[in-house]
């Protein structure tokens, strides 16, 4: 099985690669560049059925993430796509330094404002606003990493006020985190008929923008820690998924 992990920026990708590297002192894999300038790093995972995991730096925001993911997916044969990185957590369910695994990937600000309130693209009749990761995979990933299993919202503008945080929480009361790329990654994966997973490490609380309170280093360390245990989970799910597919 081969999986693609998509991050927004290099620091997130480096944390994922570090988590997948069993010996910290071992030489790191050399990244290469895909058409479009996307950096991708291959990790071979000997000893488990997840043969290869490629880590892509896809860019910030849903459009860039979709374009980067789509580029990688036409150049190699993957069986699973994972959106990964840091993000904001909805307090108190997702505190700083914790992990959130998505049971739903939601385009939270894709739609229209009306006098009666926000309408998402589904309500407008222009498509869908939610992608659902495989429930068993999401549950097992959350259990293995100690993550909160909850919807992760994709936004094009990061929340920076208490009013916006309250509005999102009212529309999505079960949400665990917000980030900027998951829905874009999921759209590209769906176009290729592939399942998708999203995992976020919480660097800040969703709410008023307060850079002094951000814990980016702590979140990146949590992301690396999550991927130390995710490899076997992904491989085990992939084996069962392939077995079921062969016996249909």
C-alpha atoms as a PDB file:
ATOM      1  CA  UNK A   1       0.000   0.000   0.000  1.00  0.00           C
ATOM      2  CA  UNK A   2       1.128   3.521  -0.800  1.00  0.00           C
ATOM      3  CA  UNK A   3      -0.259   6.606   0.933  1.00  0.00           C
ATOM      4  CA  UNK A   4       0.112  10.334   0.313  1.00  0.00           C
ATOM      5  CA  UNK A   5       0.296  12.776   3.225  1.00  0.00           C
ATOM      6  CA  UNK A   6      -0.344  16.411   2.311  1.00  0.00           C
ATOM      7  CA  UNK A   7       0.766  19.311   4.503  1.00  0.00           C
ATOM      8  CA  UNK A   8       0.592  23.046   3.911  1.00  0.00           C
ATOM      9  CA  UNK A   9       4.155  24.042   4.776  1.00  0.00           C
ATOM     10  CA  UNK A  10       7.590  22.483   5.064  1.00  0.00           C
ATOM     11  CA  UNK A  11       7.703  22.575   8.886  1.00  0.00           C
ATOM     12  CA  UNK A  12       4.625  20.341   9.029  1.00  0.00           C
ATOM     13  CA  UNK A  13       6.045  17.963   6.436  1.00  0.00           C
ATOM     14  CA  UNK A  14       9.321  17.769   8.354  1.00  0.00           C
ATOM     15  CA  UNK A  15       7.422  16.835  11.515  1.00  0.00           C
ATOM     16  CA  UNK A  16       5.529  14.088   9.701  1.00  0.00           C
ATOM     17  CA  UNK A  17       8.762  12.721   8.218  1.00  0.00           C
ATOM     18  CA  UNK A  18      10.434  12.865  11.648  1.00  0.00           C
ATOM     19  CA  UNK A  19       7.587  10.855  13.121  1.00  0.00           C
ATOM     20  CA  UNK A  20       8.004   8.235  10.414  1.00  0.00           C
ATOM     21  CA  UNK A  21      11.769   7.978  10.912  1.00  0.00           C
ATOM     22  CA  UNK A  22      12.450   5.202  13.451  1.00  0.00           C
ATOM     23  CA  UNK A  23      16.011   6.320  14.248  1.00  0.00           C
ATOM     24  CA  UNK A  24      16.363  10.082  14.781  1.00  0.00           C
ATOM     25  CA  UNK A  25      20.098  10.035  13.974  1.00  0.00           C
ATOM     26  CA  UNK A  26      19.614   8.251  10.660  1.00  0.00           C
ATOM     27  CA  UNK A  27      20.132  10.323   7.489  1.00  0.00           C
ATOM     28  CA  UNK A  28      16.871  11.890   6.403  1.00  0.00           C
ATOM     29  CA  UNK A  29      15.333  11.131   3.035  1.00  0.00           C
ATOM     30  CA  UNK A  30      16.087  13.599   0.281  1.00  0.00           C
ATOM     31  CA  UNK A  31      13.019  15.452  -1.012  1.00  0.00           C
ATOM     32  CA  UNK A  32      12.357  15.881  -4.708  1.00  0.00           C
ATOM     33  CA  UNK A  33      10.331  18.441  -6.632  1.00  0.00           C
ATOM     34  CA  UNK A  34       7.194  17.666  -8.612  1.00  0.00           C
ATOM     35  CA  UNK A  35       5.903  19.733 -11.536  1.00  0.00           C
ATOM     36  CA  UNK A  36       4.552  22.964 -10.121  1.00  0.00           C
ATOM     37  CA  UNK A  37       7.368  23.169  -7.570  1.00  0.00           C
ATOM     38  CA  UNK A  38       5.764  20.914  -4.966  1.00  0.00           C
ATOM     39  CA  UNK A  39       8.238  19.319  -2.556  1.00  0.00           C
ATOM     40  CA  UNK A  40       7.671  15.640  -1.840  1.00  0.00           C
ATOM     41  CA  UNK A  41       9.591  13.290   0.444  1.00  0.00           C
ATOM     42  CA  UNK A  42       9.386   9.505   0.266  1.00  0.00           C
ATOM     43  CA  UNK A  43       9.467   7.365   3.383  1.00  0.00           C
ATOM     44  CA  UNK A  44       9.888   3.620   2.983  1.00  0.00           C
ATOM     45  CA  UNK A  45       8.415   1.778   5.942  1.00  0.00           C
ATOM     46  CA  UNK A  46      10.028  -1.659   6.133  1.00  0.00           C
ATOM     47  CA  UNK A  47       8.367  -4.263   8.275  1.00  0.00           C
ATOM     48  CA  UNK A  48       4.771  -3.105   7.810  1.00  0.00           C
ATOM     49  CA  UNK A  49       2.367  -3.464   4.911  1.00  0.00           C
ATOM     50  CA  UNK A  50       2.353   0.305   4.272  1.00  0.00           C
ATOM     51  CA  UNK A  51       5.249   0.086   1.834  1.00  0.00           C
ATOM     52  CA  UNK A  52       5.642   3.754   0.977  1.00  0.00           C
ATOM     53  CA  UNK A  53       4.372   6.992   2.453  1.00  0.00           C
ATOM     54  CA  UNK A  54       5.013  10.177   0.471  1.00  0.00           C
ATOM     55  CA  UNK A  55       4.858  13.531   2.263  1.00  0.00           C
ATOM     56  CA  UNK A  56       3.894  16.487   0.077  1.00  0.00           C
ATOM     57  CA  UNK A  57       4.128  20.215   0.801  1.00  0.00           C
ATOM     58  CA  UNK A  58       0.985  21.320  -1.005  1.00  0.00           C
ATOM     59  CA  UNK A  59       0.632  24.981  -0.038  1.00  0.00           C
ATOM     60  CA  UNK A  60      -1.653  27.039   2.184  1.00  0.00           C
ATOM     61  CA  UNK A  61      -5.411  27.099   1.698  1.00  0.00           C
ATOM     62  CA  UNK A  62      -7.914  24.747   0.087  1.00  0.00           C
ATOM     63  CA  UNK A  63      -7.222  25.738  -3.529  1.00  0.00           C
ATOM     64  CA  UNK A  64      -3.455  25.278  -3.251  1.00  0.00           C
ATOM     65  CA  UNK A  65      -3.929  22.041  -1.332  1.00  0.00           C
ATOM     66  CA  UNK A  66      -6.288  20.665  -3.990  1.00  0.00           C
ATOM     67  CA  UNK A  67      -3.908  21.586  -6.806  1.00  0.00           C
ATOM     68  CA  UNK A  68      -0.872  20.090  -5.073  1.00  0.00           C
ATOM     69  CA  UNK A  69      -2.708  16.921  -4.133  1.00  0.00           C
ATOM     70  CA  UNK A  70      -4.086  16.467  -7.647  1.00  0.00           C
ATOM     71  CA  UNK A  71      -0.603  16.903  -9.109  1.00  0.00           C
ATOM     72  CA  UNK A  72       0.831  14.158  -6.895  1.00  0.00           C
ATOM     73  CA  UNK A  73      -2.091  11.811  -7.529  1.00  0.00           C
ATOM     74  CA  UNK A  74      -1.614  11.807 -11.310  1.00  0.00           C
ATOM     75  CA  UNK A  75       2.085  10.966 -10.937  1.00  0.00           C
ATOM     76  CA  UNK A  76       1.857   7.876  -8.706  1.00  0.00           C
ATOM     77  CA  UNK A  77      -0.592   5.167  -7.686  1.00  0.00           C
ATOM     78  CA  UNK A  78      -1.893   5.782  -4.173  1.00  0.00           C
ATOM     79  CA  UNK A  79      -4.490   3.964  -2.095  1.00  0.00           C
ATOM     80  CA  UNK A  80      -5.027   6.600   0.628  1.00  0.00           C
ATOM     81  CA  UNK A  81      -4.615  10.359   1.082  1.00  0.00           C
ATOM     82  CA  UNK A  82      -4.041  12.071   4.450  1.00  0.00           C
ATOM     83  CA  UNK A  83      -4.315  15.798   5.144  1.00  0.00           C
ATOM     84  CA  UNK A  84      -2.042  16.646   8.079  1.00  0.00           C
ATOM     85  CA  UNK A  85      -0.727  19.680   9.897  1.00  0.00           C
ATOM     86  CA  UNK A  86      -1.373  22.096  12.711  1.00  0.00           C
ATOM     87  CA  UNK A  87      -4.557  24.064  13.280  1.00  0.00           C
ATOM     88  CA  UNK A  88      -6.829  25.787  15.737  1.00  0.00           C
ATOM     89  CA  UNK A  89      -8.688  23.824  18.379  1.00  0.00           C
ATOM     90  CA  UNK A  90     -12.172  24.470  19.722  1.00  0.00           C
ATOM     91  CA  UNK A  91     -11.884  24.806  23.505  1.00  0.00           C
ATOM     92  CA  UNK A  92     -12.265  22.994  25.766  1.00  0.00           C
ATOM     93  CA  UNK A  93     -12.530  19.810  23.694  1.00  0.00           C
ATOM     94  CA  UNK A  94      -9.236  20.299  21.823  1.00  0.00           C
ATOM     95  CA  UNK A  95      -6.612  21.970  24.028  1.00  0.00           C
ATOM     96  CA  UNK A  96      -3.208  23.200  22.888  1.00  0.00           C
ATOM     97  CA  UNK A  97      -0.857  20.385  21.951  1.00  0.00           C
ATOM     98  CA  UNK A  98      -3.630  17.839  21.463  1.00  0.00           C
ATOM     99  CA  UNK A  99      -4.522  15.963  18.281  1.00  0.00           C
ATOM    100  CA  UNK A 100      -7.809  15.902  16.380  1.00  0.00           C
ATOM    101  CA  UNK A 101      -8.716  13.241  13.813  1.00  0.00           C
ATOM    102  CA  UNK A 102     -11.571  14.181  11.513  1.00  0.00           C
ATOM    103  CA  UNK A 103     -14.717  12.087  11.362  1.00  0.00           C
ATOM    104  CA  UNK A 104     -15.950  14.708   8.879  1.00  0.00           C
ATOM    105  CA  UNK A 105     -14.033  17.205   6.734  1.00  0.00           C
ATOM    106  CA  UNK A 106     -16.232  20.280   6.398  1.00  0.00           C
ATOM    107  CA  UNK A 107     -15.984  23.298   4.074  1.00  0.00           C
ATOM    108  CA  UNK A 108     -17.149  25.717   6.747  1.00  0.00           C
ATOM    109  CA  UNK A 109     -17.078  29.010   4.823  1.00  0.00           C
ATOM    110  CA  UNK A 110     -17.826  27.846   1.270  1.00  0.00           C
ATOM    111  CA  UNK A 111     -21.272  29.189   0.478  1.00  0.00           C
ATOM    112  CA  UNK A 112     -23.258  32.410   0.717  1.00  0.00           C
ATOM    113  CA  UNK A 113     -24.263  34.869   3.401  1.00  0.00           C
ATOM    114  CA  UNK A 114     -27.982  35.652   3.420  1.00  0.00           C
ATOM    115  CA  UNK A 115     -30.243  37.765   5.648  1.00  0.00           C
ATOM    116  CA  UNK A 116     -31.317  34.498   7.270  1.00  0.00           C
ATOM    117  CA  UNK A 117     -27.731  33.346   7.851  1.00  0.00           C
ATOM    118  CA  UNK A 118     -25.038  31.318   6.138  1.00  0.00           C
ATOM    119  CA  UNK A 119     -25.933  28.775   3.438  1.00  0.00           C
ATOM    120  CA  UNK A 120     -23.325  26.179   2.474  1.00  0.00           C
ATOM    121  CA  UNK A 121     -22.871  24.951  -1.096  1.00  0.00           C
ATOM    122  CA  UNK A 122     -25.063  21.921  -0.432  1.00  0.00           C
ATOM    123  CA  UNK A 123     -27.980  24.157   0.541  1.00  0.00           C
ATOM    124  CA  UNK A 124     -27.291  26.304  -2.514  1.00  0.00           C
ATOM    125  CA  UNK A 125     -27.437  23.262  -4.771  1.00  0.00           C
ATOM    126  CA  UNK A 126     -23.859  23.647  -6.019  1.00  0.00           C
ATOM    127  CA  UNK A 127     -22.315  20.437  -4.727  1.00  0.00           C
ATOM    128  CA  UNK A 128     -21.316  19.179  -1.307  1.00  0.00           C
ATOM    129  CA  UNK A 129     -19.599  20.667   1.703  1.00  0.00           C
ATOM    130  CA  UNK A 130     -18.580  17.537   3.637  1.00  0.00           C
ATOM    131  CA  UNK A 131     -16.254  14.597   2.991  1.00  0.00           C
ATOM    132  CA  UNK A 132     -16.423  11.613   5.333  1.00  0.00           C
ATOM    133  CA  UNK A 133     -13.243   9.657   6.057  1.00  0.00           C
ATOM    134  CA  UNK A 134     -13.660   5.884   6.393  1.00  0.00           C
ATOM    135  CA  UNK A 135     -15.253   5.583   9.864  1.00  0.00           C
ATOM    136  CA  UNK A 136     -13.202   2.575  10.982  1.00  0.00           C
ATOM    137  CA  UNK A 137      -9.923   4.155   9.887  1.00  0.00           C
ATOM    138  CA  UNK A 138     -10.717   7.486  11.577  1.00  0.00           C
ATOM    139  CA  UNK A 139     -11.746   5.749  14.813  1.00  0.00           C
ATOM    140  CA  UNK A 140      -8.629   3.569  14.899  1.00  0.00           C
ATOM    141  CA  UNK A 141      -6.359   6.517  14.108  1.00  0.00           C
ATOM    142  CA  UNK A 142      -7.924   8.565  16.914  1.00  0.00           C
ATOM    143  CA  UNK A 143      -7.622   5.698  19.377  1.00  0.00           C
ATOM    144  CA  UNK A 144      -3.977   4.990  18.511  1.00  0.00           C
ATOM    145  CA  UNK A 145      -2.897   8.629  18.726  1.00  0.00           C
ATOM    146  CA  UNK A 146      -5.074   9.623  21.687  1.00  0.00           C
ATOM    147  CA  UNK A 147      -6.801  12.173  19.478  1.00  0.00           C
ATOM    148  CA  UNK A 148     -10.240  13.693  19.688  1.00  0.00           C
ATOM    149  CA  UNK A 149     -12.469  12.246  16.957  1.00  0.00           C
ATOM    150  CA  UNK A 150     -14.542  15.157  15.670  1.00  0.00           C
ATOM    151  CA  UNK A 151     -15.312  17.230  12.568  1.00  0.00           C
ATOM    152  CA  UNK A 152     -12.451  19.381  11.297  1.00  0.00           C
ATOM    153  CA  UNK A 153     -13.520  22.601   9.580  1.00  0.00           C
ATOM    154  CA  UNK A 154     -11.756  23.921   6.494  1.00  0.00           C
ATOM    155  CA  UNK A 155     -11.728  27.714   6.273  1.00  0.00           C
ATOM    156  CA  UNK A 156     -10.147  30.119   3.811  1.00  0.00           C
ATOM    157  CA  UNK A 157      -9.824  32.785   6.512  1.00  0.00           C
ATOM    158  CA  UNK A 158      -8.516  31.693   9.898  1.00  0.00           C
ATOM    159  CA  UNK A 159     -10.771  32.680  12.795  1.00  0.00           C
ATOM    160  CA  UNK A 160      -9.462  35.708  14.686  1.00  0.00           C
ATOM    161  CA  UNK A 161     -12.391  36.989  16.729  1.00  0.00           C
ATOM    162  CA  UNK A 162     -14.651  35.677  19.445  1.00  0.00           C
ATOM    163  CA  UNK A 163     -17.686  36.478  17.293  1.00  0.00           C
ATOM    164  CA  UNK A 164     -16.473  34.335  14.386  1.00  0.00           C
ATOM    165  CA  UNK A 165     -15.551  31.508  16.749  1.00  0.00           C
ATOM    166  CA  UNK A 166     -19.027  31.596  18.283  1.00  0.00           C
ATOM    167  CA  UNK A 167     -20.639  31.629  14.839  1.00  0.00           C
ATOM    168  CA  UNK A 168     -18.663  28.560  13.695  1.00  0.00           C
ATOM    169  CA  UNK A 169     -19.329  26.738  16.956  1.00  0.00           C
ATOM    170  CA  UNK A 170     -23.063  27.430  16.613  1.00  0.00           C
ATOM    171  CA  UNK A 171     -23.120  26.068  13.050  1.00  0.00           C
ATOM    172  CA  UNK A 172     -20.843  23.142  13.869  1.00  0.00           C
ATOM    173  CA  UNK A 173     -21.301  22.366  17.574  1.00  0.00           C
ATOM    174  CA  UNK A 174     -19.292  19.110  17.421  1.00  0.00           C
ATOM    175  CA  UNK A 175     -16.283  20.620  15.630  1.00  0.00           C
ATOM    176  CA  UNK A 176     -12.891  19.857  17.124  1.00  0.00           C
ATOM    177  CA  UNK A 177     -10.554  21.975  15.000  1.00  0.00           C
ATOM    178  CA  UNK A 178     -10.236  24.343  12.078  1.00  0.00           C
ATOM    179  CA  UNK A 179      -7.526  24.449   9.420  1.00  0.00           C
ATOM    180  CA  UNK A 180      -7.180  25.631   5.844  1.00  0.00           C
ATOM    181  CA  UNK A 181      -6.460  22.612   3.647  1.00  0.00           C
ATOM    182  CA  UNK A 182      -8.463  19.495   4.508  1.00  0.00           C
ATOM    183  CA  UNK A 183     -11.424  20.026   2.192  1.00  0.00           C
ATOM    184  CA  UNK A 184      -9.149  20.834  -0.749  1.00  0.00           C
ATOM    185  CA  UNK A 185      -7.150  17.657  -0.180  1.00  0.00           C
ATOM    186  CA  UNK A 186     -10.387  15.681   0.158  1.00  0.00           C
ATOM    187  CA  UNK A 187     -11.798  17.102  -3.079  1.00  0.00           C
ATOM    188  CA  UNK A 188      -8.715  15.977  -5.017  1.00  0.00           C
ATOM    189  CA  UNK A 189      -8.770  12.551  -3.372  1.00  0.00           C
ATOM    190  CA  UNK A 190     -12.470  12.123  -4.175  1.00  0.00           C
ATOM    191  CA  UNK A 191     -11.862  13.042  -7.806  1.00  0.00           C
ATOM    192  CA  UNK A 192      -9.483  10.079  -7.956  1.00  0.00           C
ATOM    193  CA  UNK A 193     -11.817   7.772  -6.064  1.00  0.00           C
ATOM    194  CA  UNK A 194      -9.535   7.601  -3.025  1.00  0.00           C
ATOM    195  CA  UNK A 195     -10.362   7.632   0.704  1.00  0.00           C
ATOM    196  CA  UNK A 196      -9.099  10.535   2.787  1.00  0.00           C
ATOM    197  CA  UNK A 197      -8.147  11.104   6.419  1.00  0.00           C
ATOM    198  CA  UNK A 198      -7.336  14.343   8.249  1.00  0.00           C
ATOM    199  CA  UNK A 199      -5.261  14.795  11.410  1.00  0.00           C
ATOM    200  CA  UNK A 200      -4.535  18.118  13.103  1.00  0.00           C
ATOM    201  CA  UNK A 201      -2.274  19.083  15.981  1.00  0.00           C
ATOM    202  CA  UNK A 202      -3.640  22.061  17.911  1.00  0.00           C
ATOM    203  CA  UNK A 203      -1.342  25.094  17.997  1.00  0.00           C
ATOM    204  CA  UNK A 204      -3.871  27.714  19.110  1.00  0.00           C
ATOM    205  CA  UNK A 205      -7.411  28.125  20.305  1.00  0.00           C
ATOM    206  CA  UNK A 206     -10.080  29.075  17.769  1.00  0.00           C
ATOM    207  CA  UNK A 207     -10.978  32.630  18.767  1.00  0.00           C
ATOM    208  CA  UNK A 208      -9.324  36.031  19.165  1.00  0.00           C
ATOM    209  CA  UNK A 209      -5.961  36.163  17.389  1.00  0.00           C
ATOM    210  CA  UNK A 210      -3.241  36.103  20.035  1.00  0.00           C
ATOM    211  CA  UNK A 211       0.136  35.100  18.608  1.00  0.00           C
ATOM    212  CA  UNK A 212       1.743  35.161  22.043  1.00  0.00           C
ATOM    213  CA  UNK A 213      -0.491  32.267  23.048  1.00  0.00           C
ATOM    214  CA  UNK A 214       0.311  30.091  20.036  1.00  0.00           C
ATOM    215  CA  UNK A 215       2.239  26.887  20.695  1.00  0.00           C
ATOM    216  CA  UNK A 216       3.469  25.971  17.221  1.00  0.00           C
ATOM    217  CA  UNK A 217       6.515  24.030  18.417  1.00  0.00           C
ATOM    218  CA  UNK A 218       4.395  21.978  20.786  1.00  0.00           C
ATOM    219  CA  UNK A 219       1.887  21.275  18.029  1.00  0.00           C
ATOM    220  CA  UNK A 220       4.577  20.195  15.558  1.00  0.00           C
ATOM    221  CA  UNK A 221       6.004  17.833  18.184  1.00  0.00           C
ATOM    222  CA  UNK A 222       2.528  16.387  18.734  1.00  0.00           C
ATOM    223  CA  UNK A 223       2.136  15.911  14.980  1.00  0.00           C
ATOM    224  CA  UNK A 224       5.410  13.984  14.834  1.00  0.00           C
ATOM    225  CA  UNK A 225       4.315  11.886  17.792  1.00  0.00           C
ATOM    226  CA  UNK A 226       1.032  11.069  16.095  1.00  0.00           C
ATOM    227  CA  UNK A 227       2.761   9.792  12.982  1.00  0.00           C
ATOM    228  CA  UNK A 228       5.055   7.566  15.059  1.00  0.00           C
ATOM    229  CA  UNK A 229       2.040   5.371  15.745  1.00  0.00           C
ATOM    230  CA  UNK A 230      -0.058   5.999  12.639  1.00  0.00           C
ATOM    231  CA  UNK A 231       1.979   3.904  10.202  1.00  0.00           C
ATOM    232  CA  UNK A 232       0.797   0.490  11.450  1.00  0.00           C
ATOM    233  CA  UNK A 233      -2.792   1.768  11.766  1.00  0.00           C
ATOM    234  CA  UNK A 234      -2.833   2.895   8.132  1.00  0.00           C
ATOM    235  CA  UNK A 235      -1.186  -0.323   6.987  1.00  0.00           C
ATOM    236  CA  UNK A 236      -3.612  -2.539   8.879  1.00  0.00           C
ATOM    237  CA  UNK A 237      -6.598  -0.667   7.465  1.00  0.00           C
ATOM    238  CA  UNK A 238      -5.115  -0.825   3.966  1.00  0.00           C
ATOM    239  CA  UNK A 239      -4.658  -4.593   4.167  1.00  0.00           C
ATOM    240  CA  UNK A 240      -8.272  -5.138   5.206  1.00  0.00           C
ATOM    241  CA  UNK A 241      -9.551  -2.651   2.652  1.00  0.00           C
ATOM    242  CA  UNK A 242      -7.638  -4.373  -0.147  1.00  0.00           C
ATOM    243  CA  UNK A 243      -8.781  -7.824   1.006  1.00  0.00           C
ATOM    244  CA  UNK A 244     -12.425  -6.717   1.020  1.00  0.00           C
ATOM    245  CA  UNK A 245     -12.040  -5.153  -2.421  1.00  0.00           C
ATOM    246  CA  UNK A 246     -10.551  -8.374  -3.863  1.00  0.00           C
ATOM    247  CA  UNK A 247     -13.422 -10.488  -2.524  1.00  0.00           C
ATOM    248  CA  UNK A 248     -16.308  -8.383  -3.793  1.00  0.00           C
END
